[in-house]
């Protein structure tokens, strides 16, 4: 509930403090007195997007402070808690604006964003202005209005979740189909490449081995001659024979040398062992130099084949075996692609069925709520002197989407036997205002702690109809708080609290002020609204009668 509104240096308002009360609060005044500025200022502190030039001429900044009562369980408390703001029984919103358009806001003395203000405002205030019936006339808004009345949030969440799951499944299927189509386009290449690699059967490290063997065979003829000379030098006619003779001669002298030659004998024996190992190694190498004359050709052919495949696929020769495994894997995917597609198609079908089931449940909830809304509207229209009007909520098929498969349109028939049609084609201006009031009453019936503001909701009506509108507003305010900006004396007379907005000129400067009216002042104000500029005794008498009737309500 809005308790206080403090406005400083906004347009033609110098300083204004208002203390609002529960019940029906009425603001009246001549056209241009500044009533809309009050609403603009309230919208500014609530973070609503509106006109930018709000700062009073010559002022350094404009400022608006609004204080709201927050009873336990008020929805604004959840918004505060989610944002990490402290909760209190009083919520104070403050926002300033500079002439350059820089805006700064505070919530209970903590800096806050405009988004935070708007999130709070959704739980605090609902404004129905002079152009608000455009929302009522826009069929794109009708579904949201019906859902708000029906409380279909759980069903809508289920539909939105089903729609996302359906979209995810469809995307996965499309991606798999595209991948399969791409693989099919290279199927011939894959099969040919795998066949080549399978025939080649490359092994890691094979290229290095083949290259070394090739170089060995290419130099074998020259190396054979050198190896033969080495073996001749090491053999019996060479080092081995000479060292054997030397060992025998030394052994014949050992006994005579008194042990002096024993180390030399041992050294020669070791040398002969090492010489034998060297000779065996050279002989083994000599055996390796003996190969089939066609082996070099075969080695080169395989080496060149490995390198050719490596160049073809842009990999190292040692990676050809791994590449072959990868290509075979892609072929298996290709061959199993049909099964994958079938599985994904089945998943999409299941997601589609789940979505359709959730959408059907939402449609059923909407259909039931449509009948309830029509009954509620009939009950609301009767006190507004439209008991013969018929309001209908029509559901029709709409393209599937995250909000379901329903379109919603509000139609009316204002006279018995007349065909129903869209509001903007059937209803007059005064009728639209009453339809709007009735609809807003139905849609906000369950809202708690919400301040409802109506800006000239009674335009286009007068007499008994205006009285009916005022009485409905008064009844609506019985359980909460309603602020009404009105030019209707019948509505003004039904207010529990009454303020007059008026302009004054001091020292050539025009300012707007708001005056709380006592009983006597209210008589004069309602009389002015009845009679115009010249207030007569008859007008005052009529005003007293209206106010007396209002107090008796």
Protein backbone atom coordinates (compact mmCIF):
# COMPACT_ATOMS: atom_id res chain seq x y z
CA UNK A 1 0.00 0.00 0.00
CA UNK A 2 1.31 3.45 -0.96
CA UNK A 3 1.65 5.61 2.14
CA UNK A 4 3.71 8.64 1.17
CA UNK A 5 4.77 10.33 -2.03
CA UNK A 6 7.34 13.12 -1.85
CA UNK A 7 8.07 15.00 -5.10
CA UNK A 8 10.67 17.74 -5.52
CA UNK A 9 11.53 19.77 -8.60
CA UNK A 10 9.64 17.69 -11.14
CA UNK A 11 8.21 19.69 -14.08
CA UNK A 12 5.97 22.32 -12.47
CA UNK A 13 6.06 20.75 -9.00
CA UNK A 14 8.35 22.57 -6.58
CA UNK A 15 7.77 20.52 -3.43
CA UNK A 16 4.86 18.20 -2.81
CA UNK A 17 4.18 15.74 0.00
CA UNK A 18 1.18 13.42 -0.08
CA UNK A 19 0.04 10.96 2.57
CA UNK A 20 -2.30 8.41 1.02
CA UNK A 21 -4.74 6.22 2.91
CA UNK A 22 -6.39 2.83 2.46
CA UNK A 23 -9.62 2.86 0.49
CA UNK A 24 -10.59 5.04 -2.47
CA UNK A 25 -8.29 8.06 -2.88
CA UNK A 26 -9.60 10.63 -5.36
CA UNK A 27 -7.60 13.31 -7.17
CA UNK A 28 -9.49 15.99 -9.03
CA UNK A 29 -8.64 19.30 -10.67
CA UNK A 30 -8.97 21.22 -13.85
CA UNK A 31 -7.38 19.96 -17.03
CA UNK A 32 -3.70 20.92 -17.07
CA UNK A 33 -3.48 21.38 -13.32
CA UNK A 34 -0.79 18.71 -13.05
CA UNK A 35 -2.62 15.47 -12.27
CA UNK A 36 -0.68 13.60 -14.95
CA UNK A 37 2.58 14.92 -13.47
CA UNK A 38 1.76 13.11 -10.24
CA UNK A 39 1.41 9.85 -12.15
CA UNK A 40 4.54 10.55 -14.19
CA UNK A 41 6.46 11.16 -10.97
CA UNK A 42 5.15 7.99 -9.37
CA UNK A 43 6.03 6.04 -12.51
CA UNK A 44 9.51 7.57 -12.41
CA UNK A 45 10.27 6.36 -8.88
CA UNK A 46 8.87 2.94 -9.81
CA UNK A 47 11.33 2.66 -12.70
CA UNK A 48 8.75 2.90 -15.47
CA UNK A 49 9.95 4.17 -18.80
CA UNK A 50 8.38 7.49 -19.61
CA UNK A 51 9.14 11.05 -20.59
CA UNK A 52 12.74 12.16 -20.10
CA UNK A 53 12.23 15.89 -19.42
CA UNK A 54 10.91 15.60 -15.87
CA UNK A 55 13.31 17.96 -14.02
CA UNK A 56 11.85 21.38 -13.22
CA UNK A 57 13.43 24.19 -15.19
CA UNK A 58 16.38 25.68 -13.33
CA UNK A 59 16.64 22.84 -10.78
CA UNK A 60 19.86 20.87 -10.31
CA UNK A 61 17.91 17.62 -10.08
CA UNK A 62 14.44 16.21 -9.60
CA UNK A 63 13.66 13.73 -6.84
CA UNK A 64 10.77 11.43 -5.97
CA UNK A 65 10.44 9.34 -2.79
CA UNK A 66 7.66 6.78 -2.34
CA UNK A 67 6.99 4.80 0.84
CA UNK A 68 4.96 1.57 0.84
CA UNK A 69 3.69 -0.62 3.66
CA UNK A 70 4.86 -4.23 3.28
CA UNK A 71 2.78 -6.63 5.39
CA UNK A 72 4.17 -10.14 6.04
CA UNK A 73 4.02 -12.29 2.91
CA UNK A 74 3.88 -9.34 0.51
CA UNK A 75 5.33 -10.38 -2.90
CA UNK A 76 7.79 -7.47 -2.78
CA UNK A 77 9.58 -9.19 0.09
CA UNK A 78 10.50 -12.09 -2.19
CA UNK A 79 11.91 -9.65 -4.76
CA UNK A 80 14.00 -7.97 -2.07
CA UNK A 81 15.25 -11.29 -0.69
CA UNK A 82 16.26 -12.58 -4.11
CA UNK A 83 18.26 -9.41 -4.78
CA UNK A 84 19.93 -9.55 -1.36
CA UNK A 85 18.19 -6.41 -0.04
CA UNK A 86 17.08 -6.18 3.60
CA UNK A 87 13.37 -6.58 4.28
CA UNK A 88 11.34 -4.25 6.48
CA UNK A 89 7.71 -3.42 7.11
CA UNK A 90 8.25 -0.21 5.16
CA UNK A 91 9.72 -0.03 1.68
CA UNK A 92 11.20 3.31 0.66
CA UNK A 93 12.02 3.96 -2.97
CA UNK A 94 14.01 7.05 -3.93
CA UNK A 95 15.09 8.14 -7.38
CA UNK A 96 16.72 11.30 -8.69
CA UNK A 97 17.09 12.62 -12.21
CA UNK A 98 19.40 15.32 -13.59
CA UNK A 99 18.56 17.67 -16.46
CA UNK A 100 20.99 15.62 -18.57
CA UNK A 101 18.92 12.51 -17.94
CA UNK A 102 21.22 10.72 -15.47
CA UNK A 103 19.11 8.65 -13.09
CA UNK A 104 20.10 7.19 -9.72
CA UNK A 105 17.88 5.04 -7.50
CA UNK A 106 17.89 3.69 -3.95
CA UNK A 107 15.81 0.98 -2.29
CA UNK A 108 15.80 1.36 1.51
CA UNK A 109 18.94 3.51 1.21
CA UNK A 110 20.81 1.00 -0.94
CA UNK A 111 21.71 1.78 -4.54
CA UNK A 112 19.46 -0.08 -6.98
CA UNK A 113 18.95 -0.37 -10.71
CA UNK A 114 15.94 0.65 -12.74
CA UNK A 115 15.35 -3.06 -13.37
CA UNK A 116 15.13 -3.63 -9.62
CA UNK A 117 12.59 -0.82 -9.30
CA UNK A 118 10.47 -2.30 -12.08
CA UNK A 119 10.56 -5.74 -10.49
CA UNK A 120 9.29 -4.23 -7.24
CA UNK A 121 6.69 -2.09 -8.99
CA UNK A 122 5.07 -5.19 -10.47
CA UNK A 123 4.20 -6.24 -6.90
CA UNK A 124 3.28 -2.76 -5.64
CA UNK A 125 1.25 -0.81 -8.19
CA UNK A 126 -0.93 -1.40 -11.21
CA UNK A 127 -1.71 1.65 -13.34
CA UNK A 128 -4.61 1.86 -15.75
CA UNK A 129 -4.25 5.04 -17.71
CA UNK A 130 -6.11 6.86 -20.42
CA UNK A 131 -4.48 4.73 -23.11
CA UNK A 132 -4.61 1.49 -21.14
CA UNK A 133 -7.51 0.17 -23.19
CA UNK A 134 -5.02 -0.32 -26.03
CA UNK A 135 -3.81 -3.40 -24.18
CA UNK A 136 -7.41 -4.58 -23.96
CA UNK A 137 -7.83 -3.96 -27.67
CA UNK A 138 -4.63 -5.79 -28.63
CA UNK A 139 -5.43 -9.49 -29.18
CA UNK A 140 -1.77 -10.30 -28.62
CA UNK A 141 -2.29 -9.37 -24.96
CA UNK A 142 -5.49 -11.33 -24.46
CA UNK A 143 -3.80 -14.71 -23.93
CA UNK A 144 -1.54 -13.23 -21.24
CA UNK A 145 -4.58 -11.69 -19.54
CA UNK A 146 -6.45 -15.01 -19.56
CA UNK A 147 -3.39 -16.81 -18.20
CA UNK A 148 -3.08 -14.22 -15.43
CA UNK A 149 -6.72 -14.82 -14.51
CA UNK A 150 -6.37 -18.61 -14.69
CA UNK A 151 -3.06 -18.89 -12.86
CA UNK A 152 -1.70 -21.25 -15.51
CA UNK A 153 1.97 -20.75 -14.61
CA UNK A 154 2.62 -24.47 -13.84
CA UNK A 155 1.02 -25.56 -17.13
CA UNK A 156 2.83 -22.84 -19.07
CA UNK A 157 6.14 -23.88 -17.51
CA UNK A 158 5.48 -27.47 -18.57
CA UNK A 159 4.66 -26.35 -22.11
CA UNK A 160 7.76 -24.15 -22.32
CA UNK A 161 9.92 -27.01 -21.04
CA UNK A 162 8.32 -29.38 -23.57
CA UNK A 163 8.91 -26.89 -26.36
CA UNK A 164 12.58 -26.60 -25.44
CA UNK A 165 12.95 -30.39 -25.26
CA UNK A 166 11.25 -30.70 -28.64
CA UNK A 167 13.57 -28.07 -30.13
CA UNK A 168 16.62 -29.83 -28.66
CA UNK A 169 15.53 -33.18 -30.11
CA UNK A 170 14.81 -31.62 -33.50
CA UNK A 171 18.20 -29.94 -33.51
CA UNK A 172 19.97 -33.21 -32.63
CA UNK A 173 18.13 -35.03 -35.43
CA UNK A 174 18.91 -32.32 -37.98
CA UNK A 175 22.57 -32.31 -36.94
CA UNK A 176 22.80 -36.11 -37.26
CA UNK A 177 21.09 -36.04 -40.66
CA UNK A 178 23.48 -33.34 -41.87
CA UNK A 179 26.45 -35.29 -40.54
CA UNK A 180 25.20 -38.48 -42.23
CA UNK A 181 24.64 -36.63 -45.51
CA UNK A 182 28.18 -35.25 -45.30
CA UNK A 183 29.61 -38.71 -44.65
CA UNK A 184 27.62 -40.19 -47.49
CA UNK A 185 29.08 -37.56 -49.77
CA UNK A 186 32.57 -38.87 -48.90
CA UNK A 187 31.60 -42.54 -48.64
CA UNK A 188 33.47 -43.50 -51.81
CA UNK A 189 36.58 -41.68 -50.59
CA UNK A 190 36.36 -43.37 -47.18
CA UNK A 191 35.97 -46.85 -48.60
CA UNK A 192 38.80 -46.37 -51.12
CA UNK A 193 41.13 -44.92 -48.48
CA UNK A 194 40.39 -47.68 -45.98
CA UNK A 195 40.96 -50.32 -48.67
CA UNK A 196 44.35 -48.79 -49.57
CA UNK A 197 45.44 -48.57 -45.95
CA UNK A 198 44.20 -52.07 -45.16
CA UNK A 199 46.17 -53.41 -48.10
CA UNK A 200 49.27 -51.49 -47.00
CA UNK A 201 48.88 -52.32 -43.29
CA UNK A 202 51.28 -49.58 -42.11
CA UNK A 203 52.99 -50.03 -38.74
CA UNK A 204 54.33 -47.36 -36.40
CA UNK A 205 58.14 -46.99 -36.78
CA UNK A 206 58.17 -48.90 -40.06
CA UNK A 207 59.29 -45.96 -42.19
CA UNK A 208 62.46 -45.46 -40.16
CA UNK A 209 63.31 -49.15 -40.33
CA UNK A 210 62.77 -49.29 -44.08
CA UNK A 211 64.79 -46.14 -44.66
CA UNK A 212 67.72 -47.51 -42.65
CA UNK A 213 67.57 -50.87 -44.47
CA UNK A 214 67.44 -49.07 -47.85
CA UNK A 215 70.52 -47.00 -47.06
CA UNK A 216 72.32 -50.12 -45.86
CA UNK A 217 71.56 -52.01 -49.05
CA UNK A 218 72.48 -49.04 -51.23
CA UNK A 219 76.00 -48.97 -49.66
CA UNK A 220 76.42 -52.74 -49.34
CA UNK A 221 78.73 -53.32 -52.39
CA UNK A 222 81.31 -50.83 -51.20
CA UNK A 223 81.01 -52.04 -47.63
CA UNK A 224 81.53 -55.71 -48.66
CA UNK A 225 85.07 -54.94 -49.90
CA UNK A 226 85.94 -53.11 -46.68
CA UNK A 227 84.45 -55.87 -44.57
CA UNK A 228 86.48 -58.49 -46.46
CA UNK A 229 89.69 -56.53 -45.81
CA UNK A 230 88.71 -56.22 -42.13
CA UNK A 231 88.11 -59.95 -41.81
CA UNK A 232 91.42 -60.66 -43.60
CA UNK A 233 93.25 -58.37 -41.18
CA UNK A 234 91.57 -59.99 -38.19
CA UNK A 235 91.83 -63.63 -39.37
CA UNK A 236 94.46 -66.34 -39.12
CA UNK A 237 96.74 -64.63 -41.63
CA UNK A 238 96.39 -61.39 -39.83
CA UNK A 239 96.01 -60.22 -36.25
CA UNK A 240 94.53 -63.44 -34.91
CA UNK A 241 97.42 -65.56 -36.24
CA UNK A 242 100.14 -63.14 -35.11
CA UNK A 243 98.62 -62.76 -31.65
CA UNK A 244 98.28 -66.55 -31.36
CA UNK A 245 101.95 -67.04 -32.26
CA UNK A 246 102.96 -64.35 -29.75
CA UNK A 247 100.90 -66.03 -27.01
CA UNK A 248 102.54 -69.41 -27.65
CA UNK A 249 106.02 -67.87 -27.56
CA UNK A 250 105.28 -66.09 -24.30
CA UNK A 251 103.83 -69.19 -22.70
CA UNK A 252 107.13 -70.97 -23.48
CA UNK A 253 109.02 -68.27 -21.59
CA UNK A 254 106.72 -67.91 -18.57
CA UNK A 255 108.40 -70.55 -16.43
CA UNK A 256 111.79 -69.11 -17.16
CA UNK A 257 110.74 -65.48 -16.52
CA UNK A 258 109.92 -66.10 -12.88
CA UNK A 259 106.32 -64.73 -13.29
CA UNK A 260 107.34 -61.50 -14.98
CA UNK A 261 105.48 -62.36 -18.19
CA UNK A 262 102.25 -63.61 -16.61
CA UNK A 263 100.47 -60.21 -16.91
CA UNK A 264 101.40 -60.03 -20.58
CA UNK A 265 100.08 -63.53 -21.19
CA UNK A 266 96.79 -62.61 -19.45
CA UNK A 267 96.51 -59.42 -21.52
CA UNK A 268 97.09 -61.31 -24.76
CA UNK A 269 94.46 -63.87 -23.78
CA UNK A 270 91.95 -61.08 -23.14
CA UNK A 271 92.92 -59.41 -26.40
CA UNK A 272 92.34 -62.64 -28.27
CA UNK A 273 88.85 -62.93 -26.69
CA UNK A 274 87.99 -59.30 -27.65
CA UNK A 275 89.46 -59.89 -31.13
CA UNK A 276 87.25 -62.94 -31.50
CA UNK A 277 84.15 -60.92 -30.50
CA UNK A 278 85.10 -58.20 -32.99
CA UNK A 279 85.61 -60.75 -35.71
CA UNK A 280 82.23 -62.38 -34.94
CA UNK A 281 80.48 -59.02 -35.10
CA UNK A 282 82.07 -58.18 -38.43
CA UNK A 283 81.13 -61.57 -39.77
CA UNK A 284 77.51 -61.05 -38.65
CA UNK A 285 77.46 -57.68 -40.41
CA UNK A 286 78.96 -59.34 -43.49
CA UNK A 287 76.07 -61.78 -43.45
CA UNK A 288 73.61 -58.80 -43.41
CA UNK A 289 75.26 -57.47 -46.54
CA UNK A 290 74.14 -60.59 -48.32
CA UNK A 291 70.55 -60.06 -49.55
CA UNK A 292 68.25 -60.96 -52.35
CA UNK A 293 68.96 -58.72 -55.37
CA UNK A 294 65.22 -57.82 -55.46
CA UNK A 295 65.06 -56.87 -51.75
CA UNK A 296 66.27 -53.30 -52.36
CA UNK A 297 63.55 -52.79 -54.95
CA UNK A 298 60.89 -54.24 -52.64
CA UNK A 299 62.07 -52.12 -49.72
CA UNK A 300 62.01 -48.95 -51.79
CA UNK A 301 58.56 -49.73 -53.17
CA UNK A 302 57.09 -50.14 -49.66
CA UNK A 303 58.91 -47.08 -48.33
CA UNK A 304 57.63 -44.97 -51.23
CA UNK A 305 54.12 -46.39 -50.79
CA UNK A 306 54.10 -45.40 -47.09
CA UNK A 307 55.31 -41.90 -47.87
CA UNK A 308 52.82 -41.50 -50.71
CA UNK A 309 49.89 -42.37 -48.37
CA UNK A 310 51.28 -40.01 -45.73
CA UNK A 311 51.40 -37.15 -48.25
CA UNK A 312 47.92 -37.99 -49.57
CA UNK A 313 46.33 -37.76 -46.13
CA UNK A 314 48.56 -35.03 -44.75
CA UNK A 315 49.89 -37.04 -41.82
CA UNK A 316 53.17 -38.58 -40.75
CA UNK A 317 53.87 -42.08 -41.98
CA UNK A 318 53.90 -43.30 -38.38
CA UNK A 319 50.31 -41.97 -37.99
CA UNK A 320 48.87 -43.92 -40.93
CA UNK A 321 47.78 -46.83 -38.75
CA UNK A 322 45.89 -44.45 -36.44
CA UNK A 323 44.34 -42.71 -39.45
CA UNK A 324 43.17 -46.05 -40.79
CA UNK A 325 41.39 -46.71 -37.48
CA UNK A 326 39.72 -43.29 -37.64
CA UNK A 327 38.53 -43.80 -41.20
CA UNK A 328 37.19 -47.21 -40.33
CA UNK A 329 35.34 -45.61 -37.39
CA UNK A 330 33.74 -43.06 -39.72
CA UNK A 331 32.66 -45.85 -41.99
CA UNK A 332 31.08 -47.63 -39.04
CA UNK A 333 29.24 -44.41 -38.16
CA UNK A 334 28.08 -44.18 -41.75
CA UNK A 335 26.92 -47.75 -41.75
CA UNK A 336 25.21 -47.25 -38.37
CA UNK A 337 23.88 -43.79 -39.25
CA UNK A 338 20.46 -45.09 -40.17
CA UNK A 339 20.07 -46.60 -36.70
CA UNK A 340 21.16 -43.33 -35.08
CA UNK A 341 18.72 -41.35 -37.22
CA UNK A 342 15.93 -43.74 -36.31
CA UNK A 343 16.73 -43.36 -32.60
CA UNK A 344 16.81 -39.57 -32.79
CA UNK A 345 13.61 -39.49 -34.81
CA UNK A 346 11.98 -41.62 -32.12
CA UNK A 347 13.23 -39.21 -29.45
CA UNK A 348 11.81 -36.27 -31.39
CA UNK A 349 8.49 -38.04 -31.73
CA UNK A 350 8.42 -38.65 -27.98
CA UNK A 351 9.28 -34.99 -27.31
CA UNK A 352 6.56 -33.89 -29.72
CA UNK A 353 4.00 -36.08 -27.95
CA UNK A 354 5.08 -34.77 -24.55
CA UNK A 355 4.79 -31.19 -25.80
CA UNK A 356 1.37 -31.83 -27.32
CA UNK A 357 0.18 -33.40 -24.08
CA UNK A 358 1.40 -30.42 -22.05
CA UNK A 359 -0.14 -28.01 -24.57
CA UNK A 360 -3.43 -29.89 -24.40
CA UNK A 361 -3.43 -29.63 -20.61
CA UNK A 362 -2.76 -25.88 -20.89
CA UNK A 363 -5.54 -25.55 -23.48
CA UNK A 364 -7.95 -27.32 -21.13
CA UNK A 365 -6.99 -25.00 -18.28
CA UNK A 366 -7.48 -21.99 -20.53
CA UNK A 367 -10.83 -23.24 -21.78
CA UNK A 368 -12.07 -23.74 -18.22
CA UNK A 369 -10.73 -20.33 -17.19
CA UNK A 370 -12.34 -18.70 -20.23
CA UNK A 371 -15.78 -19.79 -19.03
CA UNK A 372 -14.99 -18.58 -15.52
CA UNK A 373 -13.75 -15.24 -16.81
CA UNK A 374 -16.90 -14.77 -18.88
CA UNK A 375 -19.05 -15.43 -15.79
CA UNK A 376 -16.90 -13.10 -13.69
CA UNK A 377 -17.14 -10.39 -16.33
CA UNK A 378 -20.93 -10.76 -16.48
CA UNK A 379 -21.07 -10.23 -12.73
CA UNK A 380 -18.84 -7.16 -12.99
CA UNK A 381 -20.60 -5.58 -15.97
CA UNK A 382 -24.06 -5.64 -14.38
CA UNK A 383 -23.25 -3.05 -11.67
CA UNK A 384 -21.64 -0.91 -14.38
CA UNK A 385 -24.96 -0.53 -16.22
CA UNK A 386 -23.97 -3.06 -18.87
CA UNK A 387 -26.06 -5.98 -17.71
CA UNK A 388 -27.15 -6.73 -21.27
CA UNK A 389 -23.63 -6.76 -22.69
CA UNK A 390 -22.04 -10.14 -23.37
CA UNK A 391 -18.31 -10.59 -22.94
CA UNK A 392 -16.84 -13.75 -24.47
CA UNK A 393 -13.36 -15.24 -24.29
CA UNK A 394 -12.77 -17.09 -27.55
CA UNK A 395 -9.99 -19.64 -27.95
CA UNK A 396 -8.75 -20.54 -31.41
CA UNK A 397 -5.89 -22.56 -32.85
CA UNK A 398 -2.54 -20.79 -33.13
CA UNK A 399 0.88 -21.92 -34.36
CA UNK A 400 2.63 -24.10 -31.82
CA UNK A 401 5.14 -22.29 -29.67
CA UNK A 402 6.54 -22.02 -26.13
CA UNK A 403 3.19 -20.59 -24.96
CA UNK A 404 1.12 -23.43 -26.36
CA UNK A 405 -1.17 -23.81 -29.34
CA UNK A 406 -3.92 -21.36 -28.41
CA UNK A 407 -4.84 -17.92 -29.54
CA UNK A 408 -7.19 -15.89 -27.35
CA UNK A 409 -9.51 -13.06 -28.32
CA UNK A 410 -11.96 -11.05 -26.22
CA UNK A 411 -15.21 -10.29 -28.04
CA UNK A 412 -18.28 -8.37 -26.94
CA UNK A 413 -21.88 -7.91 -27.93
CA UNK A 414 -23.25 -4.74 -26.35
CA UNK A 415 -26.89 -5.21 -27.35
CA UNK A 416 -29.15 -8.28 -27.26
CA UNK A 417 -29.26 -10.07 -30.59
CA UNK A 418 -26.31 -8.11 -31.95
CA UNK A 419 -23.40 -10.13 -33.29
CA UNK A 420 -20.27 -10.31 -31.17
CA UNK A 421 -17.11 -8.70 -32.44
CA UNK A 422 -13.76 -7.24 -31.43
CA UNK A 423 -13.86 -4.65 -28.67
CA UNK A 424 -12.51 -1.82 -30.80
CA UNK A 425 -15.20 -2.34 -33.43
CA UNK A 426 -18.17 -2.87 -31.14
CA UNK A 427 -17.65 -0.88 -27.94
CA UNK A 428 -17.88 2.91 -27.65
CA UNK A 429 -15.39 4.93 -25.63
CA UNK A 430 -17.48 4.82 -22.46
CA UNK A 431 -18.15 1.14 -22.92
CA UNK A 432 -14.48 0.45 -23.38
CA UNK A 433 -13.72 2.15 -20.07
CA UNK A 434 -16.23 -0.03 -18.28
CA UNK A 435 -15.05 -3.19 -20.00
CA UNK A 436 -11.54 -2.27 -18.95
CA UNK A 437 -12.55 -1.64 -15.34
CA UNK A 438 -14.46 -4.91 -15.15
CA UNK A 439 -11.61 -6.85 -16.69
CA UNK A 440 -9.02 -5.32 -14.39
CA UNK A 441 -11.19 -6.12 -11.38
CA UNK A 442 -11.39 -9.76 -12.50
CA UNK A 443 -7.68 -10.02 -13.24
CA UNK A 444 -6.52 -8.48 -9.95
CA UNK A 445 -9.07 -10.15 -7.71
CA UNK A 446 -6.44 -12.37 -6.09
CA UNK A 447 -3.74 -9.70 -5.88
CA UNK A 448 -2.83 -8.77 -2.32
CA UNK A 449 -1.19 -5.55 -1.20
CA UNK A 450 -1.50 -4.04 -4.69
CA UNK A 451 -2.25 -0.35 -5.11
CA UNK A 452 -4.45 0.16 -8.17
CA UNK A 453 -4.36 3.51 -9.94
CA UNK A 454 -7.00 4.52 -12.48
CA UNK A 455 -6.35 7.56 -14.63
CA UNK A 456 -9.71 8.87 -15.92
CA UNK A 457 -11.16 5.37 -16.17
CA UNK A 458 -14.58 7.06 -16.15
CA UNK A 459 -14.05 9.10 -19.32
CA UNK A 460 -16.88 8.96 -21.80
CA UNK A 461 -19.53 8.22 -19.16
CA UNK A 462 -21.71 10.36 -16.96
CA UNK A 463 -24.80 10.39 -14.80
CA UNK A 464 -25.93 7.05 -13.46
CA UNK A 465 -23.21 5.22 -15.38
CA UNK A 466 -20.48 7.35 -13.82
CA UNK A 467 -22.06 6.70 -10.42
CA UNK A 468 -21.96 2.95 -11.15
CA UNK A 469 -18.28 3.19 -12.09
CA UNK A 470 -17.55 5.10 -8.89
CA UNK A 471 -19.39 2.59 -6.75
CA UNK A 472 -17.47 -0.29 -8.33
CA UNK A 473 -14.20 1.54 -7.67
CA UNK A 474 -15.26 2.17 -4.10
CA UNK A 475 -16.12 -1.50 -3.61
CA UNK A 476 -12.80 -2.48 -5.16
CA UNK A 477 -11.00 -0.19 -2.71
CA UNK A 478 -12.78 -1.74 0.25
CA UNK A 479 -10.14 -4.45 0.60
CA UNK A 480 -7.14 -2.40 -0.41
CA UNK A 481 -6.13 0.92 -1.92
CA UNK A 482 -7.31 2.57 -5.12
CA UNK A 483 -6.16 5.93 -6.48
CA UNK A 484 -8.42 7.57 -9.06
CA UNK A 485 -7.75 10.62 -11.20
CA UNK A 486 -11.18 11.75 -12.31
CA UNK A 487 -13.25 14.54 -13.84
CA UNK A 488 -16.50 12.88 -12.79
CA UNK A 489 -18.30 14.41 -9.81
CA UNK A 490 -20.16 11.14 -9.23
CA UNK A 491 -16.86 9.27 -8.85
CA UNK A 492 -15.26 12.04 -6.77
CA UNK A 493 -18.18 12.02 -4.34
CA UNK A 494 -17.58 8.35 -3.56
CA UNK A 495 -13.96 8.82 -2.53
CA UNK A 496 -12.94 8.13 1.05
CA UNK A 497 -10.10 10.68 0.70
CA UNK A 498 -10.07 13.62 -1.68
CA UNK A 499 -7.27 15.85 -3.01
CA UNK A 500 -7.50 18.75 -5.43
CA UNK A 501 -4.65 19.38 -7.86
CA UNK A 502 -4.33 23.04 -8.74
CA UNK A 503 -1.90 25.45 -10.36
CA UNK A 504 -0.73 28.72 -8.92
CA UNK A 505 1.53 31.52 -10.16
CA UNK A 506 3.95 33.23 -7.79
CA UNK A 507 6.49 35.76 -8.97
CA UNK A 508 5.84 34.72 -12.54
CA UNK A 509 6.55 31.05 -11.83
CA UNK A 510 3.82 28.44 -12.32
CA UNK A 511 3.75 25.57 -9.85
CA UNK A 512 1.37 22.71 -9.19
CA UNK A 513 0.18 21.82 -5.73
CA UNK A 514 -2.11 19.26 -4.18
CA UNK A 515 -4.52 20.22 -1.42
CA UNK A 516 -6.20 17.74 0.91
CA UNK A 517 -9.90 18.64 1.07
CA UNK A 518 -12.03 18.67 4.18
CA UNK A 519 -15.80 18.24 4.09
CA UNK A 520 -16.49 21.86 3.16
CA UNK A 521 -13.79 21.97 0.53
CA UNK A 522 -15.13 18.78 -1.01
CA UNK A 523 -18.55 20.38 -1.43
CA UNK A 524 -17.01 23.27 -3.35
CA UNK A 525 -14.83 20.97 -5.49
CA UNK A 526 -17.67 18.61 -6.43
CA UNK A 527 -19.87 21.65 -7.11
CA UNK A 528 -17.18 23.02 -9.44
CA UNK A 529 -17.07 19.69 -11.23
CA UNK A 530 -20.85 19.84 -11.62
CA UNK A 531 -21.26 23.49 -12.59
CA UNK A 532 -17.98 24.61 -14.12
CA UNK A 533 -16.40 28.00 -13.43
CA UNK A 534 -19.46 29.54 -11.75
CA UNK A 535 -20.42 27.59 -8.64
CA UNK A 536 -24.05 28.23 -7.69
CA UNK A 537 -25.97 27.39 -4.56
CA UNK A 538 -27.85 24.79 -6.59
CA UNK A 539 -24.54 23.21 -7.57
CA UNK A 540 -23.47 23.13 -3.93
CA UNK A 541 -26.75 21.53 -2.96
CA UNK A 542 -26.30 18.90 -5.64
CA UNK A 543 -22.73 18.33 -4.47
CA UNK A 544 -23.91 17.83 -0.87
CA UNK A 545 -26.44 15.33 -2.08
CA UNK A 546 -23.80 13.40 -4.04
CA UNK A 547 -21.42 13.39 -1.08
CA UNK A 548 -24.20 12.34 1.28
CA UNK A 549 -25.09 9.48 -1.03
CA UNK A 550 -21.44 8.53 -1.25
CA UNK A 551 -21.08 8.41 2.54
CA UNK A 552 -24.19 6.28 2.76
CA UNK A 553 -22.73 3.70 0.38
